[in-house]
């Protein structure tokens, strides 16, 4: 489990640092560690994934209904998602009124 356990958040600026001294470099304010970055929280999320999400993943994969997409931005991903869904959905019909 490698979740950057030394990641802290500055509440004043809402910026994140990976520091060990616990103070914001700019403001000197104390940094906090978010609950979702703590090892216990990460373990609980992984347990939930294994119990809830993984079976769904396996179910759809076994029926050849799972699609994976690689990309960072919506303009990269949307054409791939659209193509995948288009094979299951009929185009919408519309009537043009004049």
Protein backbone atom coordinates (compact mmCIF):
# COMPACT_ATOMS: atom_id res chain seq x y z
CA UNK A 1 0.00 0.00 0.00
CA UNK A 2 1.91 3.04 -1.27
CA UNK A 3 -0.41 6.02 -0.70
CA UNK A 4 2.05 8.81 0.16
CA UNK A 5 1.61 8.65 3.94
CA UNK A 6 3.52 11.93 4.32
CA UNK A 7 1.09 13.98 2.23
CA UNK A 8 -0.36 16.96 4.09
CA UNK A 9 -2.93 19.63 3.31
CA UNK A 10 -2.76 23.36 4.10
CA UNK A 11 -6.26 24.41 5.21
CA UNK A 12 -5.62 28.08 4.42
CA UNK A 13 -4.47 27.67 0.81
CA UNK A 14 -5.93 24.19 0.15
CA UNK A 15 -2.61 23.05 -1.31
CA UNK A 16 -0.97 19.67 -0.79
CA UNK A 17 2.63 18.95 0.20
CA UNK A 18 4.66 15.83 0.89
CA UNK A 19 6.66 17.19 3.80
CA UNK A 20 7.73 15.78 7.12
CA UNK A 21 8.02 18.92 9.27
CA UNK A 22 4.24 19.56 9.28
CA UNK A 23 4.30 23.30 8.49
CA UNK A 24 3.35 25.12 5.31
CA UNK A 25 6.48 26.51 3.59
CA UNK A 26 4.66 29.71 2.58
CA UNK A 27 2.36 30.63 5.48
CA UNK A 28 3.95 28.69 8.34
CA UNK A 29 0.50 27.30 9.20
CA UNK A 30 0.27 23.74 10.51
CA UNK A 31 -0.52 21.11 7.89
CA UNK A 32 -3.09 18.41 8.42
CA UNK A 33 -3.23 14.88 7.06
CA UNK A 34 -6.50 14.05 5.35
CA UNK A 35 -8.38 11.06 6.74
CA UNK A 36 -8.42 9.38 3.33
CA UNK A 37 -4.60 9.41 3.28
CA UNK A 38 -4.27 7.49 6.53
CA UNK A 39 -3.34 3.78 6.30
CA UNK A 40 -6.48 2.57 8.12
CA UNK A 41 -8.72 4.41 5.65
CA UNK A 42 -6.82 3.06 2.65
CA UNK A 43 -7.08 -0.49 4.05
CA UNK A 44 -10.84 -0.10 4.53
CA UNK A 45 -11.26 1.21 0.98
CA UNK A 46 -9.26 -1.71 -0.44
CA UNK A 47 -11.36 -4.16 1.59
CA UNK A 48 -14.56 -2.56 0.27
CA UNK A 49 -13.19 -2.74 -3.27
CA UNK A 50 -12.48 -6.45 -2.87
CA UNK A 51 -15.89 -7.15 -1.38
CA UNK A 52 -18.12 -4.87 -3.51
CA UNK A 53 -16.42 -3.58 -6.66
CA UNK A 54 -14.21 -6.50 -7.70
CA UNK A 55 -17.13 -8.96 -8.05
CA UNK A 56 -18.91 -6.47 -10.36
CA UNK A 57 -15.73 -5.99 -12.35
CA UNK A 58 -15.36 -9.76 -12.73
CA UNK A 59 -19.05 -10.21 -13.62
CA UNK A 60 -18.94 -7.73 -16.51
CA UNK A 61 -15.51 -8.91 -17.65
CA UNK A 62 -16.69 -12.55 -17.83
CA UNK A 63 -19.57 -11.47 -20.07
CA UNK A 64 -17.29 -9.41 -22.30
CA UNK A 65 -19.12 -6.23 -21.26
CA UNK A 66 -16.23 -4.49 -19.53
CA UNK A 67 -14.42 -1.76 -21.42
CA UNK A 68 -11.17 -0.14 -20.30
CA UNK A 69 -10.05 3.28 -21.44
CA UNK A 70 -6.65 4.93 -21.12
CA UNK A 71 -6.33 8.69 -21.09
CA UNK A 72 -6.22 11.74 -18.88
CA UNK A 73 -8.56 14.25 -20.45
CA UNK A 74 -12.20 14.09 -21.45
CA UNK A 75 -11.43 15.05 -25.05
CA UNK A 76 -9.21 11.94 -25.26
CA UNK A 77 -11.61 9.62 -23.44
CA UNK A 78 -15.02 10.72 -24.72
CA UNK A 79 -14.61 9.35 -28.28
CA UNK A 80 -13.61 5.96 -26.83
CA UNK A 81 -16.52 5.90 -24.38
CA UNK A 82 -18.95 7.02 -27.09
CA UNK A 83 -17.76 4.28 -29.43
CA UNK A 84 -18.12 1.63 -26.71
CA UNK A 85 -21.65 2.70 -25.74
CA UNK A 86 -22.78 3.22 -29.32
CA UNK A 87 -22.67 -0.50 -29.97
CA UNK A 88 -25.30 -1.06 -27.25
CA UNK A 89 -27.56 1.98 -27.73
CA UNK A 90 -29.75 3.00 -30.63
CA UNK A 91 -29.41 6.58 -31.88
CA UNK A 92 -32.08 8.94 -30.58
CA UNK A 93 -34.83 9.82 -33.01
CA UNK A 94 -36.03 13.38 -33.07
CA UNK A 95 -38.54 15.43 -34.96
CA UNK A 96 -37.63 18.85 -36.21
CA UNK A 97 -40.45 21.38 -35.82
CA UNK A 98 -40.69 24.45 -38.04
